[in-house]
């Protein structure tokens, strides 16, 4: 099993290593977003960010992969004075374009290999 890692700079300027399947607490997640926990909670309640409730603890956990999405949403809200729903929609579209570019690149690579075989 291979794991990839992503380095994230937190507000405290500590560099930590996050595994793709790591779960972050609300405080860790908010710190990684450079936003207040209240900001994160409001986005979860609005359905803009996804969180998992920890059974019996009454706490939420966040996938580290969601951190990139949250930072992008925070940037769009700040830079363009966008409301959370618009920032989330824009983020969805940006993620979709990136996925389509990867698919196109993979298809191009396959087509290039197929042409060399002829």
PDB file of N, CA and C in Angstrom:
ATOM      1  N   UNK A   1       0.844  -1.170   0.000  1.00  0.00           N
ATOM      2  CA  UNK A   1       0.000   0.000   0.000  1.00  0.00           C
ATOM      3  C   UNK A   1       0.890   1.233   0.000  1.00  0.00           C
ATOM      4  N   UNK A   2       0.708   2.098  -0.972  1.00  0.00           N
ATOM      5  CA  UNK A   2       1.498   3.307  -1.103  1.00  0.00           C
ATOM      6  C   UNK A   2       0.696   4.494  -0.608  1.00  0.00           C
ATOM      7  N   UNK A   3       1.313   5.336   0.175  1.00  0.00           N
ATOM      8  CA  UNK A   3       0.663   6.558   0.673  1.00  0.00           C
ATOM      9  C   UNK A   3       1.394   7.752   0.120  1.00  0.00           C
ATOM     10  N   UNK A   4       0.649   8.731  -0.311  1.00  0.00           N
ATOM     11  CA  UNK A   4       1.260   9.986  -0.706  1.00  0.00           C
ATOM     12  C   UNK A   4       1.078  10.978   0.424  1.00  0.00           C
ATOM     13  N   UNK A   5       1.969  11.927   0.495  1.00  0.00           N
ATOM     14  CA  UNK A   5       1.889  12.906   1.572  1.00  0.00           C
ATOM     15  C   UNK A   5       1.819  14.307   0.998  1.00  0.00           C
ATOM     16  N   UNK A   6       1.251  15.179   1.780  1.00  0.00           N
ATOM     17  CA  UNK A   6       1.132  16.581   1.404  1.00  0.00           C
ATOM     18  C   UNK A   6       1.622  17.421   2.567  1.00  0.00           C
ATOM     19  N   UNK A   7       2.486  18.374   2.299  1.00  0.00           N
ATOM     20  CA  UNK A   7       2.963  19.272   3.353  1.00  0.00           C
ATOM     21  C   UNK A   7       2.043  20.479   3.407  1.00  0.00           C
ATOM     22  N   UNK A   8       1.676  20.873   4.607  1.00  0.00           N
ATOM     23  CA  UNK A   8       0.780  22.002   4.807  1.00  0.00           C
ATOM     24  C   UNK A   8       1.393  22.907   5.862  1.00  0.00           C
ATOM     25  N   UNK A   9       1.461  24.198   5.576  1.00  0.00           N
ATOM     26  CA  UNK A   9       1.954  25.167   6.545  1.00  0.00           C
ATOM     27  C   UNK A   9       0.775  25.676   7.355  1.00  0.00           C
ATOM     28  N   UNK A  10       0.862  25.564   8.663  1.00  0.00           N
ATOM     29  CA  UNK A  10      -0.198  26.008   9.553  1.00  0.00           C
ATOM     30  C   UNK A  10       0.097  27.420  10.027  1.00  0.00           C
ATOM     31  N   UNK A  11      -0.897  28.041  10.638  1.00  0.00           N
ATOM     32  CA  UNK A  11      -0.739  29.407  11.131  1.00  0.00           C
ATOM     33  C   UNK A  11       0.454  29.512  12.073  1.00  0.00           C
ATOM     34  N   UNK A  12       0.661  28.499  12.872  1.00  0.00           N
ATOM     35  CA  UNK A  12       1.772  28.528  13.809  1.00  0.00           C
ATOM     36  C   UNK A  12       3.118  28.392  13.098  1.00  0.00           C
ATOM     37  N   UNK A  13       3.078  28.274  11.753  1.00  0.00           N
ATOM     38  CA  UNK A  13       4.262  28.110  10.922  1.00  0.00           C
ATOM     39  C   UNK A  13       4.973  26.786  11.151  1.00  0.00           C
ATOM     40  N   UNK A  14       4.339  25.862  11.860  1.00  0.00           N
ATOM     41  CA  UNK A  14       4.892  24.521  11.977  1.00  0.00           C
ATOM     42  C   UNK A  14       4.572  23.776  10.703  1.00  0.00           C
ATOM     43  N   UNK A  15       5.529  23.031  10.215  1.00  0.00           N
ATOM     44  CA  UNK A  15       5.291  22.237   9.025  1.00  0.00           C
ATOM     45  C   UNK A  15       4.980  20.826   9.483  1.00  0.00           C
ATOM     46  N   UNK A  16       3.816  20.323   9.093  1.00  0.00           N
ATOM     47  CA  UNK A  16       3.438  18.966   9.465  1.00  0.00           C
ATOM     48  C   UNK A  16       3.191  18.177   8.199  1.00  0.00           C
ATOM     49  N   UNK A  17       3.245  16.897   8.330  1.00  0.00           N
ATOM     50  CA  UNK A  17       2.990  16.021   7.210  1.00  0.00           C
ATOM     51  C   UNK A  17       1.618  15.402   7.401  1.00  0.00           C
ATOM     52  N   UNK A  18       0.777  15.533   6.401  1.00  0.00           N
ATOM     53  CA  UNK A  18      -0.568  14.984   6.469  1.00  0.00           C
ATOM     54  C   UNK A  18      -0.690  13.826   5.487  1.00  0.00           C
ATOM     55  N   UNK A  19      -1.168  12.709   5.956  1.00  0.00           N
ATOM     56  CA  UNK A  19      -1.439  11.595   5.069  1.00  0.00           C
ATOM     57  C   UNK A  19      -2.782  11.823   4.403  1.00  0.00           C
ATOM     58  N   UNK A  20      -2.948  11.320   3.184  1.00  0.00           N
ATOM     59  CA  UNK A  20      -4.180  11.547   2.447  1.00  0.00           C
ATOM     60  C   UNK A  20      -5.410  11.082   3.205  1.00  0.00           C
ATOM     61  N   UNK A  21      -5.277  10.038   4.003  1.00  0.00           N
ATOM     62  CA  UNK A  21      -6.440   9.533   4.726  1.00  0.00           C
ATOM     63  C   UNK A  21      -6.472   9.990   6.184  1.00  0.00           C
ATOM     64  N   UNK A  22      -5.655  10.978   6.528  1.00  0.00           N
ATOM     65  CA  UNK A  22      -5.623  11.480   7.900  1.00  0.00           C
ATOM     66  C   UNK A  22      -6.894  12.260   8.208  1.00  0.00           C
ATOM     67  N   UNK A  23      -7.342  12.162   9.439  1.00  0.00           N
ATOM     68  CA  UNK A  23      -8.505  12.923   9.891  1.00  0.00           C
ATOM     69  C   UNK A  23      -8.020  14.032  10.811  1.00  0.00           C
ATOM     70  N   UNK A  24      -8.500  15.231  10.552  1.00  0.00           N
ATOM     71  CA  UNK A  24      -8.104  16.393  11.331  1.00  0.00           C
ATOM     72  C   UNK A  24      -9.232  16.821  12.251  1.00  0.00           C
ATOM     73  N   UNK A  25      -8.878  17.329  13.414  1.00  0.00           N
ATOM     74  CA  UNK A  25      -9.874  17.893  14.321  1.00  0.00           C
ATOM     75  C   UNK A  25     -10.328  19.239  13.765  1.00  0.00           C
ATOM     76  N   UNK A  26     -11.374  19.779  14.336  1.00  0.00           N
ATOM     77  CA  UNK A  26     -11.869  21.089  13.915  1.00  0.00           C
ATOM     78  C   UNK A  26     -10.779  22.148  14.051  1.00  0.00           C
ATOM     79  N   UNK A  27     -10.064  22.135  15.164  1.00  0.00           N
ATOM     80  CA  UNK A  27      -9.031  23.135  15.400  1.00  0.00           C
ATOM     81  C   UNK A  27      -7.882  22.992  14.411  1.00  0.00           C
ATOM     82  N   UNK A  28      -7.451  21.757  14.141  1.00  0.00           N
ATOM     83  CA  UNK A  28      -6.379  21.521  13.185  1.00  0.00           C
ATOM     84  C   UNK A  28      -6.799  21.963  11.786  1.00  0.00           C
ATOM     85  N   UNK A  29      -8.024  21.610  11.431  1.00  0.00           N
ATOM     86  CA  UNK A  29      -8.547  21.948  10.112  1.00  0.00           C
ATOM     87  C   UNK A  29      -8.644  23.461   9.945  1.00  0.00           C
ATOM     88  N   UNK A  30      -9.206  24.137  10.939  1.00  0.00           N
ATOM     89  CA  UNK A  30      -9.338  25.600  10.883  1.00  0.00           C
ATOM     90  C   UNK A  30      -7.964  26.259  10.796  1.00  0.00           C
ATOM     91  N   UNK A  31      -7.021  25.768  11.546  1.00  0.00           N
ATOM     92  CA  UNK A  31      -5.663  26.298  11.512  1.00  0.00           C
ATOM     93  C   UNK A  31      -5.042  26.101  10.126  1.00  0.00           C
ATOM     94  N   UNK A  32      -5.245  24.936   9.542  1.00  0.00           N
ATOM     95  CA  UNK A  32      -4.733  24.656   8.208  1.00  0.00           C
ATOM     96  C   UNK A  32      -5.365  25.526   7.141  1.00  0.00           C
ATOM     97  N   UNK A  33      -6.608  25.925   7.358  1.00  0.00           N
ATOM     98  CA  UNK A  33      -7.316  26.829   6.431  1.00  0.00           C
ATOM     99  C   UNK A  33      -6.949  28.280   6.666  1.00  0.00           C
ATOM    100  N   UNK A  34      -6.313  28.539   7.792  1.00  0.00           N
ATOM    101  CA  UNK A  34      -6.013  29.905   8.235  1.00  0.00           C
ATOM    102  C   UNK A  34      -7.302  30.686   8.497  1.00  0.00           C
ATOM    103  N   UNK A  35      -8.292  29.968   9.017  1.00  0.00           N
ATOM    104  CA  UNK A  35      -9.586  30.563   9.326  1.00  0.00           C
ATOM    105  C   UNK A  35      -9.973  30.161  10.751  1.00  0.00           C
ATOM    106  N   UNK A  36     -10.966  30.845  11.298  1.00  0.00           N
ATOM    107  CA  UNK A  36     -11.458  30.537  12.644  1.00  0.00           C
ATOM    108  C   UNK A  36     -12.336  29.279  12.597  1.00  0.00           C
ATOM    109  N   UNK A  37     -12.390  28.544  13.695  1.00  0.00           N
ATOM    110  CA  UNK A  37     -13.278  27.374  13.737  1.00  0.00           C
ATOM    111  C   UNK A  37     -14.738  27.722  13.419  1.00  0.00           C
ATOM    112  N   UNK A  38     -15.179  28.913  13.816  1.00  0.00           N
ATOM    113  CA  UNK A  38     -16.551  29.325  13.501  1.00  0.00           C
ATOM    114  C   UNK A  38     -16.784  29.404  11.994  1.00  0.00           C
ATOM    115  N   UNK A  39     -15.784  29.833  11.251  1.00  0.00           N
ATOM    116  CA  UNK A  39     -15.886  29.887   9.796  1.00  0.00           C
ATOM    117  C   UNK A  39     -16.096  28.487   9.238  1.00  0.00           C
ATOM    118  N   UNK A  40     -15.308  27.529   9.734  1.00  0.00           N
ATOM    119  CA  UNK A  40     -15.418  26.139   9.288  1.00  0.00           C
ATOM    120  C   UNK A  40     -16.801  25.584   9.624  1.00  0.00           C
ATOM    121  N   UNK A  41     -17.248  25.798  10.862  1.00  0.00           N
ATOM    122  CA  UNK A  41     -18.560  25.290  11.282  1.00  0.00           C
ATOM    123  C   UNK A  41     -19.683  25.850  10.408  1.00  0.00           C
ATOM    124  N   UNK A  42     -19.609  27.129  10.092  1.00  0.00           N
ATOM    125  CA  UNK A  42     -20.643  27.746   9.251  1.00  0.00           C
ATOM    126  C   UNK A  42     -20.654  27.112   7.864  1.00  0.00           C
ATOM    127  N   UNK A  43     -19.475  26.777   7.311  1.00  0.00           N
ATOM    128  CA  UNK A  43     -19.406  26.165   5.974  1.00  0.00           C
ATOM    129  C   UNK A  43     -19.895  24.720   5.998  1.00  0.00           C
ATOM    130  N   UNK A  44     -19.652  24.028   7.091  1.00  0.00           N
ATOM    131  CA  UNK A  44     -20.169  22.655   7.216  1.00  0.00           C
ATOM    132  C   UNK A  44     -21.689  22.691   7.303  1.00  0.00           C
ATOM    133  N   UNK A  45     -22.220  23.573   8.122  1.00  0.00           N
ATOM    134  CA  UNK A  45     -23.674  23.675   8.281  1.00  0.00           C
ATOM    135  C   UNK A  45     -24.352  24.111   6.987  1.00  0.00           C
ATOM    136  N   UNK A  46     -23.646  24.886   6.151  1.00  0.00           N
ATOM    137  CA  UNK A  46     -24.202  25.327   4.871  1.00  0.00           C
ATOM    138  C   UNK A  46     -24.051  24.252   3.788  1.00  0.00           C
ATOM    139  N   UNK A  47     -23.337  23.177   4.109  1.00  0.00           N
ATOM    140  CA  UNK A  47     -23.144  22.099   3.141  1.00  0.00           C
ATOM    141  C   UNK A  47     -22.010  22.345   2.168  1.00  0.00           C
ATOM    142  N   UNK A  48     -21.190  23.342   2.445  1.00  0.00           N
ATOM    143  CA  UNK A  48     -20.079  23.698   1.565  1.00  0.00           C
ATOM    144  C   UNK A  48     -18.871  22.797   1.816  1.00  0.00           C
ATOM    145  N   UNK A  49     -18.651  22.401   3.067  1.00  0.00           N
ATOM    146  CA  UNK A  49     -17.569  21.504   3.438  1.00  0.00           C
ATOM    147  C   UNK A  49     -18.148  20.238   4.067  1.00  0.00           C
ATOM    148  N   UNK A  50     -17.441  19.131   3.881  1.00  0.00           N
ATOM    149  CA  UNK A  50     -17.871  17.850   4.427  1.00  0.00           C
ATOM    150  C   UNK A  50     -17.068  17.513   5.686  1.00  0.00           C
ATOM    151  N   UNK A  51     -17.764  17.000   6.677  1.00  0.00           N
ATOM    152  CA  UNK A  51     -17.110  16.546   7.909  1.00  0.00           C
ATOM    153  C   UNK A  51     -17.781  15.262   8.352  1.00  0.00           C
ATOM    154  N   UNK A  52     -17.046  14.464   9.109  1.00  0.00           N
ATOM    155  CA  UNK A  52     -17.587  13.231   9.678  1.00  0.00           C
ATOM    156  C   UNK A  52     -17.708  13.400  11.179  1.00  0.00           C
ATOM    157  N   UNK A  53     -18.862  13.021  11.711  1.00  0.00           N
ATOM    158  CA  UNK A  53     -19.052  13.078  13.161  1.00  0.00           C
ATOM    159  C   UNK A  53     -18.390  11.855  13.779  1.00  0.00           C
ATOM    160  N   UNK A  54     -17.689  12.063  14.872  1.00  0.00           N
ATOM    161  CA  UNK A  54     -17.053  10.969  15.601  1.00  0.00           C
ATOM    162  C   UNK A  54     -18.071  10.438  16.592  1.00  0.00           C
ATOM    163  N   UNK A  55     -18.409   9.179  16.460  1.00  0.00           N
ATOM    164  CA  UNK A  55     -19.432   8.564  17.316  1.00  0.00           C
ATOM    165  C   UNK A  55     -19.043   8.662  18.787  1.00  0.00           C
ATOM    166  N   UNK A  56     -19.979   9.135  19.590  1.00  0.00           N
ATOM    167  CA  UNK A  56     -19.793   9.201  21.029  1.00  0.00           C
ATOM    168  C   UNK A  56     -18.956  10.368  21.519  1.00  0.00           C
ATOM    169  N   UNK A  57     -18.287  11.062  20.639  1.00  0.00           N
ATOM    170  CA  UNK A  57     -17.426  12.164  21.070  1.00  0.00           C
ATOM    171  C   UNK A  57     -18.052  13.529  20.839  1.00  0.00           C
ATOM    172  N   UNK A  58     -19.047  13.606  19.965  1.00  0.00           N
ATOM    173  CA  UNK A  58     -19.663  14.886  19.675  1.00  0.00           C
ATOM    174  C   UNK A  58     -18.732  15.846  18.952  1.00  0.00           C
ATOM    175  N   UNK A  59     -17.745  15.302  18.244  1.00  0.00           N
ATOM    176  CA  UNK A  59     -16.785  16.124  17.513  1.00  0.00           C
ATOM    177  C   UNK A  59     -16.826  15.775  16.033  1.00  0.00           C
ATOM    178  N   UNK A  60     -16.357  16.693  15.215  1.00  0.00           N
ATOM    179  CA  UNK A  60     -16.245  16.449  13.782  1.00  0.00           C
ATOM    180  C   UNK A  60     -14.796  16.208  13.435  1.00  0.00           C
ATOM    181  N   UNK A  61     -14.595  15.380  12.424  1.00  0.00           N
ATOM    182  CA  UNK A  61     -13.272  15.116  11.867  1.00  0.00           C
ATOM    183  C   UNK A  61     -13.313  15.449  10.384  1.00  0.00           C
ATOM    184  N   UNK A  62     -12.226  15.947   9.876  1.00  0.00           N
ATOM    185  CA  UNK A  62     -12.148  16.375   8.486  1.00  0.00           C
ATOM    186  C   UNK A  62     -11.047  15.609   7.774  1.00  0.00           C
ATOM    187  N   UNK A  63     -11.321  15.181   6.554  1.00  0.00           N
ATOM    188  CA  UNK A  63     -10.296  14.541   5.739  1.00  0.00           C
ATOM    189  C   UNK A  63      -9.276  15.591   5.336  1.00  0.00           C
ATOM    190  N   UNK A  64      -8.019  15.212   5.361  1.00  0.00           N
ATOM    191  CA  UNK A  64      -6.985  16.191   5.009  1.00  0.00           C
ATOM    192  C   UNK A  64      -7.122  16.649   3.559  1.00  0.00           C
ATOM    193  N   UNK A  65      -7.686  15.815   2.691  1.00  0.00           N
ATOM    194  CA  UNK A  65      -7.898  16.213   1.295  1.00  0.00           C
ATOM    195  C   UNK A  65      -8.887  17.374   1.195  1.00  0.00           C
ATOM    196  N   UNK A  66      -9.784  17.502   2.155  1.00  0.00           N
ATOM    197  CA  UNK A  66     -10.766  18.584   2.164  1.00  0.00           C
ATOM    198  C   UNK A  66     -10.110  19.923   2.474  1.00  0.00           C
ATOM    199  N   UNK A  67      -8.921  19.873   3.027  1.00  0.00           N
ATOM    200  CA  UNK A  67      -8.205  21.097   3.391  1.00  0.00           C
ATOM    201  C   UNK A  67      -7.920  21.976   2.171  1.00  0.00           C
ATOM    202  N   UNK A  68      -7.542  21.371   1.065  1.00  0.00           N
ATOM    203  CA  UNK A  68      -7.269  22.140  -0.158  1.00  0.00           C
ATOM    204  C   UNK A  68      -8.540  22.845  -0.611  1.00  0.00           C
ATOM    205  N   UNK A  69      -9.659  22.133  -0.581  1.00  0.00           N
ATOM    206  CA  UNK A  69     -10.940  22.707  -0.974  1.00  0.00           C
ATOM    207  C   UNK A  69     -11.301  23.887  -0.071  1.00  0.00           C
ATOM    208  N   UNK A  70     -11.139  23.714   1.224  1.00  0.00           N
ATOM    209  CA  UNK A  70     -11.492  24.766   2.180  1.00  0.00           C
ATOM    210  C   UNK A  70     -10.618  26.001   1.976  1.00  0.00           C
ATOM    211  N   UNK A  71      -9.342  25.803   1.731  1.00  0.00           N
ATOM    212  CA  UNK A  71      -8.453  26.944   1.509  1.00  0.00           C
ATOM    213  C   UNK A  71      -8.825  27.684   0.231  1.00  0.00           C
ATOM    214  N   UNK A  72      -9.221  26.925  -0.788  1.00  0.00           N
ATOM    215  CA  UNK A  72      -9.632  27.553  -2.050  1.00  0.00           C
ATOM    216  C   UNK A  72     -10.913  28.357  -1.845  1.00  0.00           C
ATOM    217  N   UNK A  73     -11.864  27.794  -1.110  1.00  0.00           N
ATOM    218  CA  UNK A  73     -13.125  28.496  -0.831  1.00  0.00           C
ATOM    219  C   UNK A  73     -12.850  29.772  -0.046  1.00  0.00           C
ATOM    220  N   UNK A  74     -12.001  29.673   0.972  1.00  0.00           N
ATOM    221  CA  UNK A  74     -11.667  30.854   1.779  1.00  0.00           C
ATOM    222  C   UNK A  74     -11.019  31.929   0.909  1.00  0.00           C
ATOM    223  N   UNK A  75     -10.133  31.524   0.013  1.00  0.00           N
ATOM    224  CA  UNK A  75      -9.481  32.490  -0.871  1.00  0.00           C
ATOM    225  C   UNK A  75     -10.501  33.173  -1.781  1.00  0.00           C
ATOM    226  N   UNK A  76     -11.408  32.400  -2.380  1.00  0.00           N
ATOM    227  CA  UNK A  76     -12.410  32.977  -3.278  1.00  0.00           C
ATOM    228  C   UNK A  76     -13.342  33.929  -2.533  1.00  0.00           C
ATOM    229  N   UNK A  77     -13.730  33.547  -1.329  1.00  0.00           N
ATOM    230  CA  UNK A  77     -14.595  34.425  -0.532  1.00  0.00           C
ATOM    231  C   UNK A  77     -13.899  35.746  -0.254  1.00  0.00           C
ATOM    232  N   UNK A  78     -12.629  35.668   0.100  1.00  0.00           N
ATOM    233  CA  UNK A  78     -11.885  36.881   0.454  1.00  0.00           C
ATOM    234  C   UNK A  78     -11.549  37.728  -0.776  1.00  0.00           C
ATOM    235  N   UNK A  79     -10.988  37.088  -1.797  1.00  0.00           N
ATOM    236  CA  UNK A  79     -10.493  37.829  -2.963  1.00  0.00           C
ATOM    237  C   UNK A  79     -11.611  38.443  -3.799  1.00  0.00           C
ATOM    238  N   UNK A  80     -12.741  37.744  -3.892  1.00  0.00           N
ATOM    239  CA  UNK A  80     -13.817  38.212  -4.764  1.00  0.00           C
ATOM    240  C   UNK A  80     -15.088  38.571  -4.010  1.00  0.00           C
ATOM    241  N   UNK A  81     -14.992  38.605  -2.699  1.00  0.00           N
ATOM    242  CA  UNK A  81     -16.149  38.905  -1.861  1.00  0.00           C
ATOM    243  C   UNK A  81     -17.332  38.006  -2.230  1.00  0.00           C
ATOM    244  N   UNK A  82     -17.027  36.735  -2.488  1.00  0.00           N
ATOM    245  CA  UNK A  82     -18.047  35.766  -2.902  1.00  0.00           C
ATOM    246  C   UNK A  82     -18.735  35.187  -1.676  1.00  0.00           C
ATOM    247  N   UNK A  83     -20.016  34.890  -1.811  1.00  0.00           N
ATOM    248  CA  UNK A  83     -20.691  34.213  -0.707  1.00  0.00           C
ATOM    249  C   UNK A  83     -20.233  32.749  -0.711  1.00  0.00           C
ATOM    250  N   UNK A  84     -20.408  32.038   0.398  1.00  0.00           N
ATOM    251  CA  UNK A  84     -19.892  30.667   0.509  1.00  0.00           C
ATOM    252  C   UNK A  84     -20.412  29.714  -0.574  1.00  0.00           C
ATOM    253  N   UNK A  85     -21.680  29.830  -0.937  1.00  0.00           N
ATOM    254  CA  UNK A  85     -22.229  28.921  -1.951  1.00  0.00           C
ATOM    255  C   UNK A  85     -21.585  29.168  -3.315  1.00  0.00           C
ATOM    256  N   UNK A  86     -21.377  30.411  -3.669  1.00  0.00           N
ATOM    257  CA  UNK A  86     -20.742  30.744  -4.947  1.00  0.00           C
ATOM    258  C   UNK A  86     -19.283  30.295  -4.951  1.00  0.00           C
ATOM    259  N   UNK A  87     -18.592  30.506  -3.852  1.00  0.00           N
ATOM    260  CA  UNK A  87     -17.198  30.067  -3.751  1.00  0.00           C
ATOM    261  C   UNK A  87     -17.108  28.551  -3.863  1.00  0.00           C
ATOM    262  N   UNK A  88     -18.059  27.827  -3.258  1.00  0.00           N
ATOM    263  CA  UNK A  88     -18.068  26.369  -3.337  1.00  0.00           C
ATOM    264  C   UNK A  88     -18.356  25.901  -4.764  1.00  0.00           C
ATOM    265  N   UNK A  89     -19.291  26.551  -5.435  1.00  0.00           N
ATOM    266  CA  UNK A  89     -19.600  26.195  -6.817  1.00  0.00           C
ATOM    267  C   UNK A  89     -18.385  26.430  -7.710  1.00  0.00           C
ATOM    268  N   UNK A  90     -17.729  27.539  -7.524  1.00  0.00           N
ATOM    269  CA  UNK A  90     -16.530  27.842  -8.299  1.00  0.00           C
ATOM    270  C   UNK A  90     -15.442  26.810  -8.027  1.00  0.00           C
ATOM    271  N   UNK A  91     -15.304  26.426  -6.775  1.00  0.00           N
ATOM    272  CA  UNK A  91     -14.325  25.404  -6.409  1.00  0.00           C
ATOM    273  C   UNK A  91     -14.675  24.070  -7.059  1.00  0.00           C
ATOM    274  N   UNK A  92     -15.951  23.708  -7.054  1.00  0.00           N
ATOM    275  CA  UNK A  92     -16.385  22.476  -7.731  1.00  0.00           C
ATOM    276  C   UNK A  92     -15.975  22.504  -9.198  1.00  0.00           C
ATOM    277  N   UNK A  93     -16.209  23.625  -9.858  1.00  0.00           N
ATOM    278  CA  UNK A  93     -15.871  23.747 -11.279  1.00  0.00           C
ATOM    279  C   UNK A  93     -14.360  23.679 -11.498  1.00  0.00           C
ATOM    280  N   UNK A  94     -13.594  24.295 -10.618  1.00  0.00           N
ATOM    281  CA  UNK A  94     -12.138  24.241 -10.729  1.00  0.00           C
ATOM    282  C   UNK A  94     -11.633  22.808 -10.572  1.00  0.00           C
ATOM    283  N   UNK A  95     -12.220  22.069  -9.620  1.00  0.00           N
ATOM    284  CA  UNK A  95     -11.831  20.675  -9.402  1.00  0.00           C
ATOM    285  C   UNK A  95     -12.212  19.817 -10.601  1.00  0.00           C
ATOM    286  N   UNK A  96     -13.373  20.081 -11.187  1.00  0.00           N
ATOM    287  CA  UNK A  96     -13.828  19.335 -12.358  1.00  0.00           C
ATOM    288  C   UNK A  96     -12.924  19.601 -13.557  1.00  0.00           C
ATOM    289  N   UNK A  97     -12.550  20.844 -13.776  1.00  0.00           N
ATOM    290  CA  UNK A  97     -11.641  21.185 -14.876  1.00  0.00           C
ATOM    291  C   UNK A  97     -10.302  20.474 -14.682  1.00  0.00           C
ATOM    292  N   UNK A  98      -9.792  20.459 -13.472  1.00  0.00           N
ATOM    293  CA  UNK A  98      -8.520  19.784 -13.197  1.00  0.00           C
ATOM    294  C   UNK A  98      -8.630  18.289 -13.488  1.00  0.00           C
ATOM    295  N   UNK A  99      -9.739  17.668 -13.092  1.00  0.00           N
ATOM    296  CA  UNK A  99      -9.941  16.236 -13.350  1.00  0.00           C
ATOM    297  C   UNK A  99     -10.043  15.968 -14.851  1.00  0.00           C
ATOM    298  N   UNK A 100     -10.749  16.822 -15.569  1.00  0.00           N
ATOM    299  CA  UNK A 100     -10.872  16.657 -17.016  1.00  0.00           C
ATOM    300  C   UNK A 100      -9.531  16.843 -17.722  1.00  0.00           C
ATOM    301  N   UNK A 101      -8.734  17.765 -17.252  1.00  0.00           N
ATOM    302  CA  UNK A 101      -7.397  17.954 -17.830  1.00  0.00           C
ATOM    303  C   UNK A 101      -6.529  16.719 -17.621  1.00  0.00           C
ATOM    304  N   UNK A 102      -6.634  16.108 -16.445  1.00  0.00           N
ATOM    305  CA  UNK A 102      -5.873  14.890 -16.185  1.00  0.00           C
ATOM    306  C   UNK A 102      -6.326  13.765 -17.110  1.00  0.00           C
ATOM    307  N   UNK A 103      -7.639  13.635 -17.299  1.00  0.00           N
ATOM    308  CA  UNK A 103      -8.152  12.610 -18.203  1.00  0.00           C
ATOM    309  C   UNK A 103      -7.686  12.860 -19.626  1.00  0.00           C
ATOM    310  N   UNK A 104      -7.737  14.103 -20.060  1.00  0.00           N
ATOM    311  CA  UNK A 104      -7.302  14.458 -21.402  1.00  0.00           C
ATOM    312  C   UNK A 104      -5.816  14.179 -21.591  1.00  0.00           C
ATOM    313  N   UNK A 105      -5.046  14.503 -20.581  1.00  0.00           N
ATOM    314  CA  UNK A 105      -3.608  14.246 -20.632  1.00  0.00           C
ATOM    315  C   UNK A 105      -3.332  12.741 -20.721  1.00  0.00           C
ATOM    316  N   UNK A 106      -4.080  11.946 -19.943  1.00  0.00           N
ATOM    317  CA  UNK A 106      -3.916  10.489 -19.980  1.00  0.00           C
ATOM    318  C   UNK A 106      -4.306   9.937 -21.348  1.00  0.00           C
ATOM    319  N   UNK A 107      -5.398  10.440 -21.906  1.00  0.00           N
ATOM    320  CA  UNK A 107      -5.811   9.997 -23.234  1.00  0.00           C
ATOM    321  C   UNK A 107      -4.794  10.394 -24.300  1.00  0.00           C
ATOM    322  N   UNK A 108      -4.244  11.580 -24.154  1.00  0.00           N
ATOM    323  CA  UNK A 108      -3.211  12.030 -25.080  1.00  0.00           C
ATOM    324  C   UNK A 108      -1.971  11.160 -25.002  1.00  0.00           C
ATOM    325  N   UNK A 109      -1.615  10.760 -23.808  1.00  0.00           N
ATOM    326  CA  UNK A 109      -0.450   9.890 -23.630  1.00  0.00           C
ATOM    327  C   UNK A 109      -0.716   8.520 -24.240  1.00  0.00           C
ATOM    328  N   UNK A 110      -1.929   8.012 -24.067  1.00  0.00           N
ATOM    329  CA  UNK A 110      -2.287   6.714 -24.664  1.00  0.00           C
ATOM    330  C   UNK A 110      -2.285   6.802 -26.181  1.00  0.00           C
ATOM    331  N   UNK A 111      -2.807   7.900 -26.722  1.00  0.00           N
ATOM    332  CA  UNK A 111      -2.855   8.080 -28.170  1.00  0.00           C
ATOM    333  C   UNK A 111      -1.430   8.193 -28.724  1.00  0.00           C
ATOM    334  N   UNK A 112      -0.552   8.850 -27.994  1.00  0.00           N
ATOM    335  CA  UNK A 112       0.830   8.985 -28.416  1.00  0.00           C
ATOM    336  C   UNK A 112       1.522   7.642 -28.458  1.00  0.00           C
ATOM    337  N   UNK A 113       1.245   6.789 -27.482  1.00  0.00           N
ATOM    338  CA  UNK A 113       1.829   5.442 -27.472  1.00  0.00           C
ATOM    339  C   UNK A 113       1.268   4.614 -28.606  1.00  0.00           C
ATOM    340  N   UNK A 114      -0.025   4.759 -28.866  1.00  0.00           N
ATOM    341  CA  UNK A 114      -0.653   3.990 -29.948  1.00  0.00           C
ATOM    342  C   UNK A 114      -0.116   4.373 -31.304  1.00  0.00           C
ATOM    343  N   UNK A 115       0.205   5.651 -31.501  1.00  0.00           N
ATOM    344  CA  UNK A 115       0.721   6.114 -32.780  1.00  0.00           C
ATOM    345  C   UNK A 115       2.142   5.616 -33.005  1.00  0.00           C
ATOM    346  N   UNK A 116       2.906   5.449 -31.950  1.00  0.00           N
ATOM    347  CA  UNK A 116       4.271   4.978 -32.092  1.00  0.00           C
ATOM    348  C   UNK A 116       4.319   3.509 -32.496  1.00  0.00           C
ATOM    349  N   UNK A 117       3.274   2.756 -32.130  1.00  0.00           N
ATOM    350  CA  UNK A 117       3.239   1.331 -32.446  1.00  0.00           C
ATOM    351  C   UNK A 117       2.992   1.075 -33.923  1.00  0.00           C
ATOM    352  N   UNK A 118       2.435   2.044 -34.638  1.00  0.00           N
ATOM    353  CA  UNK A 118       2.081   1.850 -36.057  1.00  0.00           C
ATOM    354  C   UNK A 118       3.269   1.830 -36.948  1.00  0.00           C
TER     355      UNK A 118
END
